[in-house]
Structures are given as structure tokens and as C-alpha cells.
Amino acid sequence: MGIILFKKIRSKIEEFAYPLVGLPSYQKYLDIHFLKHPNCPPKSREDFYKEAFERRYGRDGAKKCC
């Protein structure tokens, strides 16, 4: 029961907070991925957010201007 509740809370936090800082939704990614690429495995949640963070802020954590 505790794990299920934790996952629901984490999902709601991601749904609300991540767009505020410019990070995309993992659930939306999964929905689109399974529609367009049903035979390919999706990225893990960790890999998805790691790539999104690097796209947004660059590899060194600072936003690039050029």
C-alpha cells in the first residue's frame, strides 16, 4: 500500500511541478511512444529526465546561449 501511494504522489508532483521548471511529462512521452513506436521499448524514467535536463540546461548544468 505504501509503495502505491508513493507512486501516486510522485506522479502528481511530476504532473504539477515539472512543467513549471520546463521539464516534459514522462507519462505523455510514454503515451506518444507507444502510439508511434509500439515495438520499441521506451526509455527508462531516469534516462528520459536525464536527457530532458541536459537538453534544457546543457551538460554542465548551465543554460547555454550559443
N, C-alpha and C. Protein backbone atom coordinates (compact mmCIF):
# COMPACT_ATOMS: atom_id res chain seq x y z
N MET A 1 0.82 -1.19 0.00
CA MET A 1 0.00 0.00 0.00
C MET A 1 0.87 1.26 0.00
N GLY A 2 1.95 1.27 0.78
CA GLY A 2 2.82 2.43 0.86
C GLY A 2 3.50 2.77 -0.45
N ILE A 3 3.91 1.74 -1.18
CA ILE A 3 4.59 1.96 -2.46
C ILE A 3 3.62 2.53 -3.48
N ILE A 4 2.41 2.02 -3.51
CA ILE A 4 1.41 2.52 -4.46
C ILE A 4 1.09 3.98 -4.17
N LEU A 5 0.92 4.31 -2.90
CA LEU A 5 0.65 5.69 -2.52
C LEU A 5 1.81 6.60 -2.89
N PHE A 6 3.04 6.14 -2.65
CA PHE A 6 4.22 6.92 -3.02
C PHE A 6 4.25 7.19 -4.52
N LYS A 7 3.97 6.18 -5.34
CA LYS A 7 3.98 6.35 -6.80
C LYS A 7 2.91 7.34 -7.25
N LYS A 8 1.73 7.29 -6.62
CA LYS A 8 0.68 8.24 -6.97
C LYS A 8 1.08 9.66 -6.61
N ILE A 9 1.66 9.83 -5.44
CA ILE A 9 2.10 11.16 -5.01
C ILE A 9 3.20 11.68 -5.93
N ARG A 10 4.18 10.82 -6.24
CA ARG A 10 5.27 11.22 -7.13
C ARG A 10 4.72 11.63 -8.49
N SER A 11 3.76 10.88 -9.00
CA SER A 11 3.16 11.18 -10.29
C SER A 11 2.48 12.55 -10.28
N LYS A 12 1.76 12.85 -9.21
CA LYS A 12 1.07 14.14 -9.10
C LYS A 12 2.07 15.29 -8.99
N ILE A 13 3.15 15.07 -8.25
CA ILE A 13 4.19 16.10 -8.14
C ILE A 13 4.81 16.36 -9.50
N GLU A 14 5.15 15.30 -10.22
CA GLU A 14 5.73 15.46 -11.56
C GLU A 14 4.76 16.20 -12.48
N GLU A 15 3.50 15.82 -12.42
CA GLU A 15 2.48 16.42 -13.27
C GLU A 15 2.36 17.92 -13.02
N PHE A 16 2.51 18.34 -11.78
CA PHE A 16 2.37 19.75 -11.44
C PHE A 16 3.69 20.52 -11.56
N ALA A 17 4.75 20.01 -10.96
CA ALA A 17 5.98 20.79 -10.80
C ALA A 17 6.90 20.78 -12.01
N TYR A 18 7.03 19.66 -12.69
CA TYR A 18 8.00 19.58 -13.78
C TYR A 18 7.74 20.59 -14.90
N PRO A 19 6.48 20.78 -15.34
CA PRO A 19 6.27 21.82 -16.36
C PRO A 19 6.63 23.22 -15.88
N LEU A 20 6.56 23.47 -14.58
CA LEU A 20 6.92 24.79 -14.06
C LEU A 20 8.40 25.10 -14.27
N VAL A 21 9.24 24.07 -14.29
CA VAL A 21 10.67 24.28 -14.50
C VAL A 21 11.10 23.90 -15.91
N GLY A 22 10.13 23.62 -16.78
CA GLY A 22 10.44 23.37 -18.18
C GLY A 22 10.78 21.94 -18.53
N LEU A 23 10.47 20.98 -17.66
CA LEU A 23 10.73 19.59 -17.98
C LEU A 23 9.46 18.92 -18.49
N PRO A 24 9.58 18.06 -19.50
CA PRO A 24 8.41 17.41 -20.08
C PRO A 24 7.86 16.30 -19.19
N SER A 25 6.67 15.81 -19.54
CA SER A 25 5.99 14.76 -18.79
C SER A 25 6.41 13.38 -19.29
N TYR A 26 6.84 12.53 -18.37
CA TYR A 26 7.21 11.15 -18.73
C TYR A 26 5.98 10.39 -19.20
N GLN A 27 4.83 10.60 -18.57
CA GLN A 27 3.62 9.89 -18.96
C GLN A 27 3.19 10.26 -20.38
N LYS A 28 3.29 11.55 -20.72
CA LYS A 28 2.97 11.97 -22.09
C LYS A 28 3.94 11.33 -23.08
N TYR A 29 5.21 11.27 -22.70
CA TYR A 29 6.21 10.61 -23.54
C TYR A 29 5.82 9.15 -23.79
N LEU A 30 5.43 8.44 -22.71
CA LEU A 30 5.04 7.04 -22.87
C LEU A 30 3.82 6.89 -23.76
N ASP A 31 2.83 7.74 -23.57
CA ASP A 31 1.62 7.67 -24.39
C ASP A 31 1.95 7.82 -25.87
N ILE A 32 2.74 8.82 -26.20
CA ILE A 32 3.11 9.06 -27.60
C ILE A 32 4.03 7.95 -28.11
N HIS A 33 4.96 7.52 -27.28
CA HIS A 33 5.91 6.48 -27.68
C HIS A 33 5.17 5.20 -28.07
N PHE A 34 4.22 4.76 -27.25
CA PHE A 34 3.51 3.52 -27.54
C PHE A 34 2.59 3.65 -28.75
N LEU A 35 2.12 4.86 -29.05
CA LEU A 35 1.31 5.05 -30.25
C LEU A 35 2.16 5.00 -31.52
N LYS A 36 3.31 5.66 -31.48
CA LYS A 36 4.14 5.78 -32.68
C LYS A 36 5.18 4.68 -32.83
N HIS A 37 5.61 4.07 -31.73
CA HIS A 37 6.67 3.05 -31.76
C HIS A 37 6.28 1.86 -30.89
N PRO A 38 5.20 1.15 -31.24
CA PRO A 38 4.71 0.09 -30.35
C PRO A 38 5.67 -1.09 -30.16
N ASN A 39 6.60 -1.28 -31.07
CA ASN A 39 7.52 -2.42 -30.98
C ASN A 39 8.86 -2.09 -30.34
N CYS A 40 9.07 -0.82 -29.99
CA CYS A 40 10.34 -0.40 -29.39
C CYS A 40 10.14 -0.15 -27.89
N PRO A 41 11.09 -0.59 -27.08
CA PRO A 41 10.97 -0.30 -25.64
C PRO A 41 11.21 1.19 -25.37
N PRO A 42 10.46 1.78 -24.45
CA PRO A 42 10.66 3.20 -24.14
C PRO A 42 11.90 3.41 -23.26
N LYS A 43 12.33 4.65 -23.17
CA LYS A 43 13.43 5.00 -22.26
C LYS A 43 12.95 4.81 -20.84
N SER A 44 13.87 4.56 -19.95
CA SER A 44 13.52 4.50 -18.53
C SER A 44 13.20 5.91 -18.07
N ARG A 45 12.48 6.02 -16.97
CA ARG A 45 12.13 7.33 -16.40
C ARG A 45 13.41 8.13 -16.12
N GLU A 46 14.41 7.45 -15.58
CA GLU A 46 15.67 8.11 -15.25
C GLU A 46 16.35 8.65 -16.51
N ASP A 47 16.44 7.84 -17.56
CA ASP A 47 17.07 8.28 -18.80
C ASP A 47 16.28 9.42 -19.46
N PHE A 48 14.95 9.31 -19.43
CA PHE A 48 14.11 10.35 -20.01
C PHE A 48 14.38 11.71 -19.36
N TYR A 49 14.37 11.75 -18.02
CA TYR A 49 14.59 13.02 -17.34
C TYR A 49 16.03 13.50 -17.44
N LYS A 50 16.97 12.57 -17.48
CA LYS A 50 18.38 12.96 -17.65
C LYS A 50 18.57 13.66 -18.99
N GLU A 51 18.01 13.09 -20.06
CA GLU A 51 18.14 13.69 -21.38
C GLU A 51 17.40 15.03 -21.46
N ALA A 52 16.21 15.09 -20.84
CA ALA A 52 15.45 16.34 -20.85
C ALA A 52 16.21 17.44 -20.11
N PHE A 53 16.81 17.10 -18.98
CA PHE A 53 17.58 18.07 -18.21
C PHE A 53 18.79 18.55 -19.01
N GLU A 54 19.47 17.63 -19.67
CA GLU A 54 20.64 18.01 -20.46
C GLU A 54 20.25 18.88 -21.65
N ARG A 55 19.11 18.58 -22.29
CA ARG A 55 18.64 19.42 -23.39
C ARG A 55 18.32 20.83 -22.90
N ARG A 56 17.73 20.92 -21.73
CA ARG A 56 17.30 22.22 -21.22
C ARG A 56 18.46 23.04 -20.67
N TYR A 57 19.35 22.41 -19.92
CA TYR A 57 20.40 23.15 -19.20
C TYR A 57 21.81 22.89 -19.69
N GLY A 58 22.00 21.97 -20.61
CA GLY A 58 23.34 21.64 -21.07
C GLY A 58 23.99 20.65 -20.15
N ARG A 59 25.07 20.07 -20.58
CA ARG A 59 25.73 19.00 -19.81
C ARG A 59 26.36 19.52 -18.51
N ASP A 60 26.77 20.77 -18.48
CA ASP A 60 27.43 21.28 -17.26
C ASP A 60 26.42 21.93 -16.30
N GLY A 61 25.14 21.86 -16.61
CA GLY A 61 24.12 22.40 -15.72
C GLY A 61 23.80 23.86 -15.94
N ALA A 62 24.55 24.54 -16.79
CA ALA A 62 24.29 25.95 -17.07
C ALA A 62 23.60 26.09 -18.41
N LYS A 63 22.63 26.96 -18.49
CA LYS A 63 21.93 27.18 -19.75
C LYS A 63 22.87 27.83 -20.76
N LYS A 64 22.89 27.28 -21.93
CA LYS A 64 23.77 27.78 -22.99
C LYS A 64 23.07 28.88 -23.79
N CYS A 65 23.83 29.87 -24.20
CA CYS A 65 23.24 30.91 -25.04
C CYS A 65 23.57 30.65 -26.51
N CYS A 66 24.61 29.88 -26.79
CA CYS A 66 25.01 29.63 -28.18
C CYS A 66 25.30 28.16 -28.39
